[in-house]
Amino acid sequence: MKTVIVSVVSVWGSHFRRASMAAVALTIAVTGCSSNQTKIAASTCPSAPVPVVVSVDQWGDIVSELGGACANVKTVLASSSVDPHDYEPSPADAASFTGAKLVVINGAGYDPWAAKLAASSAGGARVLSAAEVTKTPDGANPHLWYLPSAVTAVADAVTAELSKLNSQAGDYFSQRRSQFTTALGPYNALIGKIKAEATGKSYAATETVFDYQAQALGLLNKTPEGYQRATANETDPSPADLDAFRALLSGRRVDVLIYNTQTEGSIPQQIRSIADQAGVPVVNVTETVPPGQTSFEAWQNGQLVALGKALNVAV
């Protein structure tokens, strides 16, 4: 059971603002389809559901699939134009934490407000941080849902916590975890195939959102270092940084450009235009689960299919 508290899209590590969600929805429709578009079917819970609050929808979808009918999942930020790093929670947000037995956050400086609300409004609740599970420190790239090993580790940790909180439903949660593994089958297969056939190929990116996934695929990051530092520090790239990016793309010294569609502004748009003019394939990605997607894995599969095609991998 899943409840969305606020409908909003998030951004981290960039000074660029989000584009309209209508544009995002159109982009995803064009990007590609998934071989696994259906969420895990729910079954009857043998006991009362565990009340769970999740800070952001990237993890909210996963927790909902794992909890099924035995978890009442509330996601606070789902598709927000508000940066979770700087988000100022409302009294209604604080109230949504009341009574929670489990709170799932991203951590790594991405959603610090959620940890504070858990402490003040959900006293006694277990707090599960993806950053703590994966030993990711504050200041590191917080987009952990793009790290395949993190998805597995967090799924295991969530299942373990739910089973502790409701031992009567332990078998149910174990079954849900197995079903989630099955649902991730196409996702893992796509990762394996792209890694086998495209390892050593290169990419550049307008933001760091997809970097963990690209690394897992064996791709080389050729984004100019100055540009990477500027976006990480939320400052404008220098003219020299932009010239380096322009030369990289114009000279076709990179195999693909990863473009976050949930940003707006002249700089990323200019970079995309240069890639298009040079004939460098552009793959659209998003930071949050876009409208119309039925599950986390469906969202990820669509992007991986698009990337595989851009890299000439038969997917």
C-alpha atoms as a PDB file:
ATOM      1  CA  MET A   1       0.000   0.000   0.000  1.00  0.00           C
ATOM      2  CA  LYS A   2       1.477   3.317  -1.067  1.00  0.00           C
ATOM      3  CA  THR A   3       0.500   6.879  -0.231  1.00  0.00           C
ATOM      4  CA  VAL A   4       2.120   9.949  -1.772  1.00  0.00           C
ATOM      5  CA  ILE A   5       2.165  12.962   0.538  1.00  0.00           C
ATOM      6  CA  VAL A   6       3.422  15.666  -1.822  1.00  0.00           C
ATOM      7  CA  SER A   7       3.704  15.684  -5.610  1.00  0.00           C
ATOM      8  CA  VAL A   8       7.035  17.410  -6.297  1.00  0.00           C
ATOM      9  CA  VAL A   9      10.550  16.681  -8.411  1.00  0.00           C
ATOM     10  CA  SER A  10      13.986  16.849  -6.812  1.00  0.00           C
ATOM     11  CA  VAL A  11      17.417  18.063  -7.807  1.00  0.00           C
ATOM     12  CA  TRP A  12      20.768  17.703  -6.045  1.00  0.00           C
ATOM     13  CA  GLY A  13      24.249  18.922  -6.801  1.00  0.00           C
ATOM     14  CA  SER A  14      23.256  21.348  -9.517  1.00  0.00           C
ATOM     15  CA  HIS A  15      22.247  24.979  -9.750  1.00  0.00           C
ATOM     16  CA  PHE A  16      20.046  24.216 -12.740  1.00  0.00           C
ATOM     17  CA  ARG A  17      16.280  24.170 -12.145  1.00  0.00           C
ATOM     18  CA  ARG A  18      13.796  21.476 -13.065  1.00  0.00           C
ATOM     19  CA  ALA A  19      12.004  21.541 -16.369  1.00  0.00           C
ATOM     20  CA  SER A  20       8.248  21.043 -16.546  1.00  0.00           C
ATOM     21  CA  MET A  21       6.977  17.561 -15.788  1.00  0.00           C
ATOM     22  CA  ALA A  22       5.030  17.535 -19.034  1.00  0.00           C
ATOM     23  CA  ALA A  23       8.314  17.707 -20.919  1.00  0.00           C
ATOM     24  CA  VAL A  24       9.718  14.944 -18.752  1.00  0.00           C
ATOM     25  CA  ALA A  25       6.754  12.711 -19.449  1.00  0.00           C
ATOM     26  CA  LEU A  26       7.154  13.254 -23.197  1.00  0.00           C
ATOM     27  CA  THR A  27      10.874  12.529 -22.999  1.00  0.00           C
ATOM     28  CA  ILE A  28      10.334   9.260 -21.188  1.00  0.00           C
ATOM     29  CA  ALA A  29       7.691   8.189 -23.670  1.00  0.00           C
ATOM     30  CA  VAL A  30      10.213   8.643 -26.461  1.00  0.00           C
ATOM     31  CA  THR A  31      13.190   7.198 -24.594  1.00  0.00           C
ATOM     32  CA  GLY A  32      12.133   3.585 -24.732  1.00  0.00           C
ATOM     33  CA  CYS A  33       9.893   0.957 -23.247  1.00  0.00           C
ATOM     34  CA  SER A  34      10.552  -1.538 -20.516  1.00  0.00           C
ATOM     35  CA  SER A  35      10.336  -5.299 -20.620  1.00  0.00           C
ATOM     36  CA  ASN A  36       8.915  -5.236 -17.088  1.00  0.00           C
ATOM     37  CA  GLN A  37       6.123  -2.704 -16.838  1.00  0.00           C
ATOM     38  CA  THR A  38       4.037  -4.316 -14.087  1.00  0.00           C
ATOM     39  CA  LYS A  39       4.487  -3.940 -10.382  1.00  0.00           C
ATOM     40  CA  ILE A  40       4.721  -6.997  -8.178  1.00  0.00           C
ATOM     41  CA  ALA A  41       1.239  -8.276  -7.489  1.00  0.00           C
ATOM     42  CA  ALA A  42       0.125  -7.776  -3.900  1.00  0.00           C
ATOM     43  CA  SER A  43      -1.348 -10.582  -1.824  1.00  0.00           C
ATOM     44  CA  THR A  44      -3.224 -10.677   1.462  1.00  0.00           C
ATOM     45  CA  CYS A  45      -1.238  -9.723   4.549  1.00  0.00           C
ATOM     46  CA  PRO A  46      -1.494 -12.126   7.516  1.00  0.00           C
ATOM     47  CA  SER A  47      -1.371  -9.250  10.013  1.00  0.00           C
ATOM     48  CA  ALA A  48      -1.742  -5.484  10.358  1.00  0.00           C
ATOM     49  CA  PRO A  49       0.502  -3.530   7.951  1.00  0.00           C
ATOM     50  CA  VAL A  50       3.626  -1.759   9.212  1.00  0.00           C
ATOM     51  CA  PRO A  51       3.405   2.060   8.929  1.00  0.00           C
ATOM     52  CA  VAL A  52       6.384   3.252   6.883  1.00  0.00           C
ATOM     53  CA  VAL A  53       7.472   6.733   5.775  1.00  0.00           C
ATOM     54  CA  VAL A  54       9.950   7.180   2.902  1.00  0.00           C
ATOM     55  CA  SER A  55      11.581  10.523   2.171  1.00  0.00           C
ATOM     56  CA  VAL A  56      11.771  10.375  -1.653  1.00  0.00           C
ATOM     57  CA  ASP A  57      10.011   8.425  -4.374  1.00  0.00           C
ATOM     58  CA  GLN A  58      13.120   6.764  -5.801  1.00  0.00           C
ATOM     59  CA  TRP A  59      13.167   4.585  -2.685  1.00  0.00           C
ATOM     60  CA  GLY A  60       9.429   4.863  -2.051  1.00  0.00           C
ATOM     61  CA  ASP A  61       8.586   2.727  -5.070  1.00  0.00           C
ATOM     62  CA  ILE A  62      11.026   0.028  -3.969  1.00  0.00           C
ATOM     63  CA  VAL A  63       9.782   0.004  -0.371  1.00  0.00           C
ATOM     64  CA  SER A  64       6.182  -0.233  -1.594  1.00  0.00           C
ATOM     65  CA  GLU A  65       7.032  -3.271  -3.708  1.00  0.00           C
ATOM     66  CA  LEU A  66       8.845  -4.929  -0.819  1.00  0.00           C
ATOM     67  CA  GLY A  67       6.144  -4.185   1.740  1.00  0.00           C
ATOM     68  CA  GLY A  68       3.125  -5.003  -0.369  1.00  0.00           C
ATOM     69  CA  ALA A  69      -0.082  -5.367   1.627  1.00  0.00           C
ATOM     70  CA  CYS A  70       1.936  -5.674   4.847  1.00  0.00           C
ATOM     71  CA  ALA A  71       3.245  -2.101   4.746  1.00  0.00           C
ATOM     72  CA  ASN A  72       1.400   1.201   4.644  1.00  0.00           C
ATOM     73  CA  VAL A  73       3.992   3.305   2.799  1.00  0.00           C
ATOM     74  CA  LYS A  74       3.865   7.109   2.693  1.00  0.00           C
ATOM     75  CA  THR A  75       6.317   8.916   0.394  1.00  0.00           C
ATOM     76  CA  VAL A  76       6.896  12.554   1.320  1.00  0.00           C
ATOM     77  CA  LEU A  77       8.542  13.928  -1.844  1.00  0.00           C
ATOM     78  CA  ALA A  78       7.394  12.376  -5.081  1.00  0.00           C
ATOM     79  CA  SER A  79       8.366  14.372  -8.184  1.00  0.00           C
ATOM     80  CA  SER A  80       9.309  17.685  -6.554  1.00  0.00           C
ATOM     81  CA  SER A  81      10.566  20.976  -7.908  1.00  0.00           C
ATOM     82  CA  VAL A  82      12.074  21.331  -4.457  1.00  0.00           C
ATOM     83  CA  ASP A  83      15.654  20.271  -3.798  1.00  0.00           C
ATOM     84  CA  PRO A  84      15.484  17.607  -1.030  1.00  0.00           C
ATOM     85  CA  HIS A  85      18.831  18.875   0.254  1.00  0.00           C
ATOM     86  CA  ASP A  86      17.320  22.278   1.063  1.00  0.00           C
ATOM     87  CA  TYR A  87      13.701  21.233   1.564  1.00  0.00           C
ATOM     88  CA  GLU A  88      11.800  22.990   4.343  1.00  0.00           C
ATOM     89  CA  PRO A  89       9.197  20.501   5.630  1.00  0.00           C
ATOM     90  CA  SER A  90       5.708  21.698   6.443  1.00  0.00           C
ATOM     91  CA  PRO A  91       3.679  20.831   9.552  1.00  0.00           C
ATOM     92  CA  ALA A  92       1.756  18.368   7.385  1.00  0.00           C
ATOM     93  CA  ASP A  93       5.035  16.647   6.487  1.00  0.00           C
ATOM     94  CA  ALA A  94       5.906  16.369  10.165  1.00  0.00           C
ATOM     95  CA  ALA A  95       2.477  14.919  10.893  1.00  0.00           C
ATOM     96  CA  SER A  96       2.969  12.268   8.216  1.00  0.00           C
ATOM     97  CA  PHE A  97       5.840  10.828  10.274  1.00  0.00           C
ATOM     98  CA  THR A  98       3.660  10.382  13.364  1.00  0.00           C
ATOM     99  CA  GLY A  99       3.108   6.731  14.133  1.00  0.00           C
ATOM    100  CA  ALA A 100       5.691   5.449  11.662  1.00  0.00           C
ATOM    101  CA  LYS A 101       7.508   2.315  12.738  1.00  0.00           C
ATOM    102  CA  LEU A 102      10.067   2.505   9.923  1.00  0.00           C
ATOM    103  CA  VAL A 103      11.500   5.565   8.178  1.00  0.00           C
ATOM    104  CA  VAL A 104      13.570   5.093   5.019  1.00  0.00           C
ATOM    105  CA  ILE A 105      15.801   7.960   3.881  1.00  0.00           C
ATOM    106  CA  ASN A 106      18.512   8.377   1.274  1.00  0.00           C
ATOM    107  CA  GLY A 107      21.132  10.097   3.440  1.00  0.00           C
ATOM    108  CA  ALA A 108      24.526  11.357   2.198  1.00  0.00           C
ATOM    109  CA  GLY A 109      23.278  14.910   2.651  1.00  0.00           C
ATOM    110  CA  TYR A 110      20.402  14.440   0.202  1.00  0.00           C
ATOM    111  CA  ASP A 111      17.438  14.647   2.587  1.00  0.00           C
ATOM    112  CA  PRO A 112      18.645  15.734   6.050  1.00  0.00           C
ATOM    113  CA  TRP A 113      15.202  17.112   6.899  1.00  0.00           C
ATOM    114  CA  ALA A 114      13.812  13.565   6.858  1.00  0.00           C
ATOM    115  CA  ALA A 115      16.186  12.347   9.555  1.00  0.00           C
ATOM    116  CA  LYS A 116      15.243  15.347  11.707  1.00  0.00           C
ATOM    117  CA  LEU A 117      11.520  14.698  11.271  1.00  0.00           C
ATOM    118  CA  ALA A 118      12.017  11.032  12.112  1.00  0.00           C
ATOM    119  CA  ALA A 119      13.697  12.028  15.374  1.00  0.00           C
ATOM    120  CA  SER A 120      11.121  14.665  16.313  1.00  0.00           C
ATOM    121  CA  SER A 121       7.875  13.196  14.980  1.00  0.00           C
ATOM    122  CA  ALA A 122       8.423   9.434  14.812  1.00  0.00           C
ATOM    123  CA  GLY A 123       9.987   8.707  18.166  1.00  0.00           C
ATOM    124  CA  GLY A 124      11.066   5.098  18.460  1.00  0.00           C
ATOM    125  CA  ALA A 125      10.850   4.431  14.719  1.00  0.00           C
ATOM    126  CA  ARG A 126      13.673   2.543  13.067  1.00  0.00           C
ATOM    127  CA  VAL A 127      15.506   4.789  10.604  1.00  0.00           C
ATOM    128  CA  LEU A 128      17.087   3.096   7.616  1.00  0.00           C
ATOM    129  CA  SER A 129      19.501   5.239   5.597  1.00  0.00           C
ATOM    130  CA  ALA A 130      20.620   4.095   2.145  1.00  0.00           C
ATOM    131  CA  ALA A 131      23.874   5.974   2.733  1.00  0.00           C
ATOM    132  CA  GLU A 132      24.534   4.107   5.977  1.00  0.00           C
ATOM    133  CA  VAL A 133      23.665   0.771   4.392  1.00  0.00           C
ATOM    134  CA  THR A 134      26.157   1.457   1.582  1.00  0.00           C
ATOM    135  CA  LYS A 135      28.675   3.346   3.761  1.00  0.00           C
ATOM    136  CA  THR A 136      28.369   6.462   1.589  1.00  0.00           C
ATOM    137  CA  PRO A 137      29.586   9.620   3.405  1.00  0.00           C
ATOM    138  CA  ASP A 138      28.042  13.086   3.285  1.00  0.00           C
ATOM    139  CA  GLY A 139      29.480  15.016   0.368  1.00  0.00           C
ATOM    140  CA  ALA A 140      29.693  11.985  -1.888  1.00  0.00           C
ATOM    141  CA  ASN A 141      27.412  11.527  -4.887  1.00  0.00           C
ATOM    142  CA  PRO A 142      24.042  10.841  -3.182  1.00  0.00           C
ATOM    143  CA  HIS A 143      22.201   9.381  -6.195  1.00  0.00           C
ATOM    144  CA  LEU A 144      22.442   5.896  -4.684  1.00  0.00           C
ATOM    145  CA  TRP A 145      19.368   4.482  -6.430  1.00  0.00           C
ATOM    146  CA  TYR A 146      21.502   4.509  -9.586  1.00  0.00           C
ATOM    147  CA  LEU A 147      24.020   2.152  -7.969  1.00  0.00           C
ATOM    148  CA  PRO A 148      22.852  -1.445  -8.612  1.00  0.00           C
ATOM    149  CA  SER A 149      24.605  -2.838  -5.543  1.00  0.00           C
ATOM    150  CA  ALA A 150      22.894  -0.175  -3.405  1.00  0.00           C
ATOM    151  CA  VAL A 151      19.465  -1.177  -4.707  1.00  0.00           C
ATOM    152  CA  THR A 152      20.135  -4.756  -3.629  1.00  0.00           C
ATOM    153  CA  ALA A 153      21.615  -3.781  -0.262  1.00  0.00           C
ATOM    154  CA  VAL A 154      18.767  -1.408   0.598  1.00  0.00           C
ATOM    155  CA  ALA A 155      16.145  -3.956  -0.479  1.00  0.00           C
ATOM    156  CA  ASP A 156      17.731  -6.547   1.818  1.00  0.00           C
ATOM    157  CA  ALA A 157      17.885  -4.061   4.694  1.00  0.00           C
ATOM    158  CA  VAL A 158      14.263  -2.969   4.260  1.00  0.00           C
ATOM    159  CA  THR A 159      13.070  -6.576   4.214  1.00  0.00           C
ATOM    160  CA  ALA A 160      15.060  -7.341   7.355  1.00  0.00           C
ATOM    161  CA  GLU A 161      13.609  -4.321   9.189  1.00  0.00           C
ATOM    162  CA  LEU A 162      10.042  -5.083   8.134  1.00  0.00           C
ATOM    163  CA  SER A 163      10.456  -8.678   9.295  1.00  0.00           C
ATOM    164  CA  LYS A 164      11.706  -7.488  12.690  1.00  0.00           C
ATOM    165  CA  LEU A 165       8.793  -5.093  13.067  1.00  0.00           C
ATOM    166  CA  ASN A 166       6.221  -7.691  12.061  1.00  0.00           C
ATOM    167  CA  SER A 167       7.545 -11.191  12.647  1.00  0.00           C
ATOM    168  CA  GLN A 168       4.148 -12.686  11.834  1.00  0.00           C
ATOM    169  CA  ALA A 169       4.617 -11.503   8.261  1.00  0.00           C
ATOM    170  CA  GLY A 170       8.227 -12.687   7.977  1.00  0.00           C
ATOM    171  CA  ASP A 171       7.427 -15.291   5.332  1.00  0.00           C
ATOM    172  CA  TYR A 172       5.351 -12.749   3.438  1.00  0.00           C
ATOM    173  CA  PHE A 173       8.222 -10.243   3.366  1.00  0.00           C
ATOM    174  CA  SER A 174      10.659 -12.954   2.275  1.00  0.00           C
ATOM    175  CA  GLN A 175       8.331 -13.811  -0.585  1.00  0.00           C
ATOM    176  CA  ARG A 176       8.082 -10.158  -1.576  1.00  0.00           C
ATOM    177  CA  ARG A 177      11.865  -9.870  -1.559  1.00  0.00           C
ATOM    178  CA  SER A 178      12.143 -12.895  -3.853  1.00  0.00           C
ATOM    179  CA  GLN A 179       9.525 -11.419  -6.161  1.00  0.00           C
ATOM    180  CA  PHE A 180      11.462  -8.153  -6.267  1.00  0.00           C
ATOM    181  CA  THR A 181      14.577 -10.073  -7.302  1.00  0.00           C
ATOM    182  CA  THR A 182      12.567 -11.620 -10.120  1.00  0.00           C
ATOM    183  CA  ALA A 183      11.201  -8.215 -11.115  1.00  0.00           C
ATOM    184  CA  LEU A 184      14.772  -6.889 -11.287  1.00  0.00           C
ATOM    185  CA  GLY A 185      15.756  -9.723 -13.630  1.00  0.00           C
ATOM    186  CA  PRO A 186      15.465  -7.676 -16.864  1.00  0.00           C
ATOM    187  CA  TYR A 187      17.253  -4.736 -15.168  1.00  0.00           C
ATOM    188  CA  ASN A 188      20.198  -6.918 -14.143  1.00  0.00           C
ATOM    189  CA  ALA A 189      20.244  -8.616 -17.534  1.00  0.00           C
ATOM    190  CA  LEU A 190      20.422  -5.258 -19.317  1.00  0.00           C
ATOM    191  CA  ILE A 191      23.274  -4.144 -17.058  1.00  0.00           C
ATOM    192  CA  GLY A 192      25.155  -7.371 -17.742  1.00  0.00           C
ATOM    193  CA  LYS A 193      24.681  -7.190 -21.496  1.00  0.00           C
ATOM    194  CA  ILE A 194      25.674  -3.537 -21.809  1.00  0.00           C
ATOM    195  CA  LYS A 195      28.702  -4.081 -19.574  1.00  0.00           C
ATOM    196  CA  ALA A 196      29.808  -7.093 -21.610  1.00  0.00           C
ATOM    197  CA  GLU A 197      29.531  -5.301 -24.946  1.00  0.00           C
ATOM    198  CA  ALA A 198      30.269  -1.665 -24.109  1.00  0.00           C
ATOM    199  CA  THR A 199      32.890  -1.697 -21.346  1.00  0.00           C
ATOM    200  CA  GLY A 200      35.534   0.900 -22.155  1.00  0.00           C
ATOM    201  CA  LYS A 201      33.202   3.085 -24.181  1.00  0.00           C
ATOM    202  CA  SER A 202      32.916   6.641 -22.936  1.00  0.00           C
ATOM    203  CA  TYR A 203      30.291   9.134 -21.855  1.00  0.00           C
ATOM    204  CA  ALA A 204      29.963  12.737 -20.802  1.00  0.00           C
ATOM    205  CA  ALA A 205      27.119  14.040 -18.657  1.00  0.00           C
ATOM    206  CA  THR A 206      25.407  17.331 -17.962  1.00  0.00           C
ATOM    207  CA  GLU A 207      25.050  16.258 -14.293  1.00  0.00           C
ATOM    208  CA  THR A 208      26.248  13.514 -11.936  1.00  0.00           C
ATOM    209  CA  VAL A 209      22.853  11.814 -11.653  1.00  0.00           C
ATOM    210  CA  PHE A 210      23.746   8.740 -13.759  1.00  0.00           C
ATOM    211  CA  ASP A 211      27.413   8.374 -12.784  1.00  0.00           C
ATOM    212  CA  TYR A 212      26.996   5.350 -10.481  1.00  0.00           C
ATOM    213  CA  GLN A 213      25.113   3.435 -13.151  1.00  0.00           C
ATOM    214  CA  ALA A 214      27.642   4.384 -15.827  1.00  0.00           C
ATOM    215  CA  GLN A 215      30.487   3.168 -13.624  1.00  0.00           C
ATOM    216  CA  ALA A 216      28.662  -0.123 -13.016  1.00  0.00           C
ATOM    217  CA  LEU A 217      28.405  -0.511 -16.792  1.00  0.00           C
ATOM    218  CA  GLY A 218      32.151  -0.040 -17.234  1.00  0.00           C
ATOM    219  CA  LEU A 219      31.825   3.264 -19.082  1.00  0.00           C
ATOM    220  CA  LEU A 220      34.578   5.880 -18.931  1.00  0.00           C
ATOM    221  CA  ASN A 221      33.600   9.347 -17.752  1.00  0.00           C
ATOM    222  CA  LYS A 222      35.085  11.976 -20.076  1.00  0.00           C
ATOM    223  CA  THR A 223      33.110  14.929 -18.753  1.00  0.00           C
ATOM    224  CA  PRO A 224      35.626  17.788 -18.454  1.00  0.00           C
ATOM    225  CA  GLU A 225      36.896  17.921 -14.866  1.00  0.00           C
ATOM    226  CA  GLY A 226      36.331  21.653 -14.512  1.00  0.00           C
ATOM    227  CA  TYR A 227      32.707  21.249 -15.573  1.00  0.00           C
ATOM    228  CA  GLN A 228      32.222  18.404 -13.087  1.00  0.00           C
ATOM    229  CA  ARG A 229      33.649  20.490 -10.248  1.00  0.00           C
ATOM    230  CA  ALA A 230      31.464  23.459 -11.138  1.00  0.00           C
ATOM    231  CA  THR A 231      28.226  21.472 -11.183  1.00  0.00           C
ATOM    232  CA  ALA A 232      29.159  19.661  -7.952  1.00  0.00           C
ATOM    233  CA  ASN A 233      29.804  23.029  -6.285  1.00  0.00           C
ATOM    234  CA  GLU A 234      26.606  24.524  -7.736  1.00  0.00           C
ATOM    235  CA  THR A 235      28.491  27.202  -9.675  1.00  0.00           C
ATOM    236  CA  ASP A 236      28.535  28.139 -13.347  1.00  0.00           C
ATOM    237  CA  PRO A 237      31.153  26.379 -15.449  1.00  0.00           C
ATOM    238  CA  SER A 238      33.853  28.736 -16.697  1.00  0.00           C
ATOM    239  CA  PRO A 239      34.163  29.611 -20.397  1.00  0.00           C
ATOM    240  CA  ALA A 240      37.199  27.302 -20.501  1.00  0.00           C
ATOM    241  CA  ASP A 241      35.131  24.451 -19.054  1.00  0.00           C
ATOM    242  CA  LEU A 242      32.460  24.964 -21.691  1.00  0.00           C
ATOM    243  CA  ASP A 243      35.074  25.172 -24.446  1.00  0.00           C
ATOM    244  CA  ALA A 244      36.503  21.850 -23.281  1.00  0.00           C
ATOM    245  CA  PHE A 245      33.030  20.286 -23.352  1.00  0.00           C
ATOM    246  CA  ARG A 246      32.377  21.748 -26.807  1.00  0.00           C
ATOM    247  CA  ALA A 247      35.660  20.388 -28.147  1.00  0.00           C
ATOM    248  CA  LEU A 248      34.954  16.949 -26.656  1.00  0.00           C
ATOM    249  CA  LEU A 249      31.597  16.706 -28.383  1.00  0.00           C
ATOM    250  CA  SER A 250      32.505  18.433 -31.638  1.00  0.00           C
ATOM    251  CA  GLY A 251      35.492  16.148 -32.029  1.00  0.00           C
ATOM    252  CA  ARG A 252      33.288  13.119 -31.263  1.00  0.00           C
ATOM    253  CA  ARG A 253      35.732  11.998 -28.606  1.00  0.00           C
ATOM    254  CA  VAL A 254      32.918  10.562 -26.520  1.00  0.00           C
ATOM    255  CA  ASP A 255      30.445   7.789 -27.372  1.00  0.00           C
ATOM    256  CA  VAL A 256      27.327   9.190 -25.720  1.00  0.00           C
ATOM    257  CA  LEU A 257      26.027  12.232 -23.846  1.00  0.00           C
ATOM    258  CA  ILE A 258      23.909  11.561 -20.743  1.00  0.00           C
ATOM    259  CA  TYR A 259      21.363  14.365 -20.428  1.00  0.00           C
ATOM    260  CA  ASN A 260      19.189  14.939 -17.360  1.00  0.00           C
ATOM    261  CA  THR A 261      15.833  16.094 -18.736  1.00  0.00           C
ATOM    262  CA  GLN A 262      14.682  17.384 -15.355  1.00  0.00           C
ATOM    263  CA  THR A 263      16.816  20.505 -15.635  1.00  0.00           C
ATOM    264  CA  GLU A 264      16.403  23.729 -17.499  1.00  0.00           C
ATOM    265  CA  GLY A 265      18.779  26.517 -18.395  1.00  0.00           C
ATOM    266  CA  SER A 266      20.891  27.575 -21.323  1.00  0.00           C
ATOM    267  CA  ILE A 267      24.088  25.706 -20.414  1.00  0.00           C
ATOM    268  CA  PRO A 268      22.843  22.088 -20.504  1.00  0.00           C
ATOM    269  CA  GLN A 269      20.679  22.919 -23.504  1.00  0.00           C
ATOM    270  CA  GLN A 270      23.704  24.322 -25.340  1.00  0.00           C
ATOM    271  CA  ILE A 271      25.675  21.193 -24.543  1.00  0.00           C
ATOM    272  CA  ARG A 272      22.898  19.008 -25.884  1.00  0.00           C
ATOM    273  CA  SER A 273      22.663  21.079 -29.064  1.00  0.00           C
ATOM    274  CA  ILE A 274      26.403  20.685 -29.654  1.00  0.00           C
ATOM    275  CA  ALA A 275      26.080  16.907 -29.233  1.00  0.00           C
ATOM    276  CA  ASP A 276      23.166  16.790 -31.677  1.00  0.00           C
ATOM    277  CA  GLN A 277      25.061  18.834 -34.246  1.00  0.00           C
ATOM    278  CA  ALA A 278      28.134  16.635 -33.901  1.00  0.00           C
ATOM    279  CA  GLY A 279      26.143  13.422 -34.202  1.00  0.00           C
ATOM    280  CA  VAL A 280      26.924  12.243 -30.666  1.00  0.00           C
ATOM    281  CA  PRO A 281      24.020  10.100 -29.371  1.00  0.00           C
ATOM    282  CA  VAL A 282      22.099  11.674 -26.480  1.00  0.00           C
ATOM    283  CA  VAL A 283      20.429   9.523 -23.818  1.00  0.00           C
ATOM    284  CA  ASN A 284      17.812  11.128 -21.609  1.00  0.00           C
ATOM    285  CA  VAL A 285      17.704  10.259 -17.913  1.00  0.00           C
ATOM    286  CA  THR A 286      15.787  11.606 -14.924  1.00  0.00           C
ATOM    287  CA  GLU A 287      16.637  11.936 -11.261  1.00  0.00           C
ATOM    288  CA  THR A 288      13.209  10.917 -10.001  1.00  0.00           C
ATOM    289  CA  VAL A 289      10.607   8.391 -11.100  1.00  0.00           C
ATOM    290  CA  PRO A 290       8.770  10.177 -13.933  1.00  0.00           C
ATOM    291  CA  PRO A 291       5.000  10.298 -14.417  1.00  0.00           C
ATOM    292  CA  GLY A 292       3.485   7.245 -16.036  1.00  0.00           C
ATOM    293  CA  GLN A 293       6.082   4.720 -14.907  1.00  0.00           C
ATOM    294  CA  THR A 294       4.657   1.733 -13.068  1.00  0.00           C
ATOM    295  CA  SER A 295       7.710   0.814 -10.983  1.00  0.00           C
ATOM    296  CA  PHE A 296      11.331   1.602 -10.196  1.00  0.00           C
ATOM    297  CA  GLU A 297      12.549  -1.215 -12.423  1.00  0.00           C
ATOM    298  CA  ALA A 298      10.353  -0.140 -15.358  1.00  0.00           C
ATOM    299  CA  TRP A 299      11.845   3.356 -15.133  1.00  0.00           C
ATOM    300  CA  GLN A 300      15.412   2.052 -15.010  1.00  0.00           C
ATOM    301  CA  ASN A 301      14.875  -0.497 -17.767  1.00  0.00           C
ATOM    302  CA  GLY A 302      13.624   2.143 -20.193  1.00  0.00           C
ATOM    303  CA  GLN A 303      16.735   4.238 -19.686  1.00  0.00           C
ATOM    304  CA  LEU A 304      19.068   1.240 -19.983  1.00  0.00           C
ATOM    305  CA  VAL A 305      17.418   0.177 -23.233  1.00  0.00           C
ATOM    306  CA  ALA A 306      17.935   3.680 -24.626  1.00  0.00           C
ATOM    307  CA  LEU A 307      21.575   3.676 -23.523  1.00  0.00           C
ATOM    308  CA  GLY A 308      22.226   0.232 -24.976  1.00  0.00           C
ATOM    309  CA  LYS A 309      20.865   1.314 -28.349  1.00  0.00           C
ATOM    310  CA  ALA A 310      22.980   4.472 -28.275  1.00  0.00           C
ATOM    311  CA  LEU A 311      26.062   2.320 -27.669  1.00  0.00           C
ATOM    312  CA  ASN A 312      25.114  -0.123 -30.452  1.00  0.00           C
ATOM    313  CA  VAL A 313      24.320  -2.935 -28.028  1.00  0.00           C
ATOM    314  CA  ALA A 314      21.490  -5.238 -29.091  1.00  0.00           C
ATOM    315  CA  VAL A 315      19.017  -4.865 -26.198  1.00  0.00           C
END
